[in-house]
Protein backbone atom coordinates (compact mmCIF):
# COMPACT_ATOMS: atom_id res chain seq x y z
CA UNK A 1 -102.51 -90.89 -105.34
CA UNK A 2 -102.26 -87.13 -105.70
CA UNK A 3 -104.71 -84.86 -103.99
CA UNK A 4 -104.74 -81.12 -104.21
CA UNK A 5 -106.94 -78.73 -102.25
CA UNK A 6 -106.68 -74.98 -102.72
CA UNK A 7 -108.05 -72.11 -100.69
CA UNK A 8 -107.32 -68.42 -101.03
CA UNK A 9 -104.41 -68.61 -98.62
CA UNK A 10 -103.35 -72.28 -98.70
CA UNK A 11 -102.36 -74.89 -101.21
CA UNK A 12 -102.06 -78.51 -100.07
CA UNK A 13 -100.56 -81.33 -102.21
CA UNK A 14 -100.49 -84.99 -101.12
CA UNK A 15 -98.17 -87.61 -102.71
CA UNK A 16 -97.02 -91.11 -102.01
CA UNK A 17 -93.52 -91.68 -100.59
CA UNK A 18 -92.05 -94.51 -102.71
CA UNK A 19 -89.10 -95.12 -100.37
CA UNK A 20 -91.19 -96.06 -97.34
CA UNK A 21 -94.38 -98.17 -97.38
CA UNK A 22 -97.54 -96.74 -95.90
CA UNK A 23 -96.22 -93.13 -96.00
CA UNK A 24 -97.49 -89.97 -97.60
CA UNK A 25 -95.98 -86.49 -97.92
CA UNK A 26 -98.19 -83.44 -97.57
CA UNK A 27 -96.81 -80.16 -98.81
CA UNK A 28 -98.44 -77.01 -97.38
CA UNK A 29 -98.01 -73.64 -99.04
CA UNK A 30 -99.26 -70.44 -97.52
CA UNK A 31 -101.12 -69.91 -94.23
CA UNK A 32 -102.45 -72.37 -91.71
CA UNK A 33 -104.83 -70.47 -89.46
CA UNK A 34 -108.42 -70.40 -88.15
CA UNK A 35 -109.88 -69.26 -91.52
CA UNK A 36 -108.70 -72.21 -93.53
CA UNK A 37 -108.37 -74.80 -90.75
CA UNK A 38 -111.58 -76.67 -91.76
CA UNK A 39 -110.28 -77.21 -95.29
CA UNK A 40 -106.83 -78.21 -94.05
CA UNK A 41 -108.29 -80.62 -91.49
CA UNK A 42 -110.53 -82.24 -94.15
CA UNK A 43 -107.49 -82.79 -96.37
CA UNK A 44 -105.55 -84.41 -93.51
CA UNK A 45 -108.63 -86.50 -92.60
CA UNK A 46 -108.82 -87.70 -96.23
CA UNK A 47 -105.17 -88.70 -96.15
CA UNK A 48 -105.49 -90.43 -92.77
CA UNK A 49 -108.61 -92.28 -93.90
CA UNK A 50 -106.70 -93.76 -96.81
CA UNK A 51 -106.09 -97.48 -96.13
CA UNK A 52 -102.66 -98.36 -94.84
CA UNK A 53 -101.37 -94.82 -94.19
CA UNK A 54 -99.15 -95.13 -91.16
CA UNK A 55 -96.58 -92.31 -91.52
CA UNK A 56 -96.96 -88.75 -92.59
CA UNK A 57 -94.29 -86.23 -93.67
CA UNK A 58 -95.55 -82.68 -93.68
CA UNK A 59 -93.36 -80.37 -95.80
CA UNK A 60 -93.57 -76.95 -94.15
CA UNK A 61 -90.90 -75.21 -96.28
CA UNK A 62 -93.50 -72.93 -97.90
CA UNK A 63 -95.72 -72.59 -94.84
CA UNK A 64 -95.58 -68.83 -94.21
CA UNK A 65 -97.87 -68.63 -91.14
CA UNK A 66 -98.92 -71.08 -88.46
CA UNK A 67 -101.55 -70.12 -85.84
CA UNK A 68 -102.45 -71.94 -82.66
CA UNK A 69 -105.27 -73.59 -84.64
CA UNK A 70 -102.62 -74.98 -87.00
CA UNK A 71 -100.67 -76.32 -84.02
CA UNK A 72 -103.92 -77.99 -82.92
CA UNK A 73 -104.25 -79.67 -86.34
CA UNK A 74 -100.70 -81.01 -86.10
CA UNK A 75 -101.42 -82.29 -82.57
CA UNK A 76 -104.59 -84.07 -83.76
CA UNK A 77 -102.61 -85.70 -86.60
CA UNK A 78 -99.84 -86.73 -84.22
CA UNK A 79 -102.37 -88.45 -81.90
CA UNK A 80 -104.12 -90.28 -84.75
CA UNK A 81 -100.81 -91.55 -86.12
CA UNK A 82 -99.67 -92.51 -82.61
CA UNK A 83 -102.79 -94.70 -82.21
CA UNK A 84 -101.72 -96.66 -85.29
CA UNK A 85 -98.08 -96.80 -84.25
CA UNK A 86 -97.09 -94.33 -86.98
CA UNK A 87 -95.03 -91.20 -87.12
CA UNK A 88 -95.50 -87.58 -88.03
CA UNK A 89 -92.46 -85.73 -89.32
CA UNK A 90 -92.47 -82.02 -89.87
CA UNK A 91 -90.04 -81.20 -92.67
CA UNK A 92 -88.25 -77.89 -93.23
CA UNK A 93 -90.05 -75.85 -90.61
CA UNK A 94 -88.99 -72.22 -90.28
CA UNK A 95 -86.75 -71.06 -87.49
CA UNK A 96 -89.63 -69.01 -86.01
CA UNK A 97 -91.99 -72.01 -85.96
CA UNK A 98 -89.33 -74.20 -84.42
CA UNK A 99 -88.68 -71.64 -81.64
CA UNK A 100 -92.43 -71.65 -80.98
CA UNK A 101 -92.34 -75.45 -80.76
CA UNK A 102 -89.50 -75.19 -78.22
CA UNK A 103 -91.22 -72.57 -76.14
CA UNK A 104 -94.53 -74.52 -76.00
CA UNK A 105 -92.88 -77.90 -75.44
CA UNK A 106 -93.97 -79.40 -78.78
CA UNK A 107 -90.39 -80.25 -79.60
CA UNK A 108 -90.66 -83.12 -77.16
CA UNK A 109 -93.07 -85.02 -79.42
CA UNK A 110 -92.89 -83.65 -82.89
CA UNK A 111 -90.11 -85.00 -85.04
CA UNK A 112 -88.54 -82.32 -87.20
CA UNK A 113 -86.12 -82.88 -90.03
CA UNK A 114 -84.40 -80.46 -92.36
CA UNK A 115 -84.42 -82.55 -95.51
CA UNK A 116 -86.55 -85.17 -97.21
CA UNK A 117 -83.58 -87.58 -97.16
CA UNK A 118 -83.26 -87.18 -93.33
CA UNK A 119 -86.99 -87.88 -92.91
CA UNK A 120 -86.76 -91.04 -95.07
CA UNK A 121 -83.71 -92.24 -93.15
CA UNK A 122 -85.47 -91.69 -89.84
CA UNK A 123 -88.51 -93.75 -91.01
CA UNK A 124 -86.36 -96.54 -92.39
CA UNK A 125 -84.42 -96.88 -89.10
CA UNK A 126 -87.69 -97.26 -87.19
CA UNK A 127 -86.65 -94.81 -84.46
CA UNK A 128 -89.15 -93.46 -82.00
CA UNK A 129 -89.66 -89.65 -81.95
CA UNK A 130 -87.34 -88.93 -79.05
CA UNK A 131 -84.68 -91.55 -79.83
CA UNK A 132 -81.19 -90.47 -80.80
CA UNK A 133 -79.59 -92.40 -83.62
CA UNK A 134 -76.59 -93.10 -81.33
CA UNK A 135 -76.00 -92.99 -77.60
CA UNK A 136 -75.25 -89.45 -76.55
CA UNK A 137 -72.87 -88.31 -73.84
CA UNK A 138 -73.86 -85.22 -71.88
CA UNK A 139 -72.43 -83.51 -68.82
CA UNK A 140 -74.54 -82.83 -65.73
CA UNK A 141 -74.52 -79.01 -65.33
CA UNK A 142 -74.50 -79.41 -61.51
CA UNK A 143 -71.79 -81.96 -60.74
CA UNK A 144 -70.09 -82.27 -64.15
CA UNK A 145 -70.53 -86.06 -64.27
CA UNK A 146 -70.70 -87.69 -67.65
CA UNK A 147 -74.09 -89.23 -68.47
CA UNK A 148 -75.13 -91.56 -71.34
CA UNK A 149 -78.60 -91.09 -72.86
CA UNK A 150 -80.39 -92.75 -75.73
CA UNK A 151 -83.37 -90.39 -76.08
CA UNK A 152 -84.58 -86.98 -75.25
CA UNK A 153 -86.58 -86.59 -72.05
CA UNK A 154 -86.25 -86.17 -68.26
CA UNK A 155 -83.40 -87.85 -66.37
CA UNK A 156 -81.94 -87.93 -62.88
CA UNK A 157 -78.17 -87.64 -62.51
CA UNK A 158 -76.85 -90.78 -60.91
CA UNK A 159 -74.28 -88.83 -58.86
CA UNK A 160 -75.89 -85.65 -57.58
CA UNK A 161 -79.51 -86.78 -58.02
CA UNK A 162 -80.55 -83.54 -59.74
CA UNK A 163 -83.41 -83.75 -62.32
CA UNK A 164 -82.52 -82.77 -65.94
CA UNK A 165 -84.49 -82.26 -69.08
CA UNK A 166 -82.71 -82.90 -72.34
CA UNK A 167 -84.27 -82.03 -75.73
CA UNK A 168 -83.58 -83.58 -79.14
CA UNK A 169 -80.98 -80.91 -79.86
CA UNK A 170 -79.10 -81.91 -76.65
CA UNK A 171 -79.99 -78.71 -74.81
CA UNK A 172 -79.91 -79.41 -71.11
CA UNK A 173 -81.92 -77.62 -68.44
CA UNK A 174 -82.82 -78.28 -64.84
CA UNK A 175 -86.22 -79.98 -64.53
């Protein structure tokens, strides 16, 4: 299946992902803002209404602008896929967009990957969005104890009892 919707500022292309069953890739080119959000949402609705679509990879490499309305669309897609035990992967997002995700806390639930191969590998392994591929070892910034974690999230140091938040990039902050 190949679907293409064009607006003045946005081009969307939908393709099957042959490496992983029940998965589509959506490539967005241009802007994702209030003015074209209805068209973009309709395209995603069409994809999500296709029988057996469980996972979605959204290629954002050519996405030049993302408004709060666009973030809302991604959040809606995430919730719909979560209901069917699927995954949303945002591929090749720009540094500016990723910094916005970090600032707003979206990095806690959106899976981001740099390459198509990484996205496919993530789906094949069946990991959950906040899971690390291997157990990670971090150091408590308060007492310097070594802690083992298997996913991003909030933790309590076993030794000094301080609360920590760890993101998917292993950045640690006090929670």
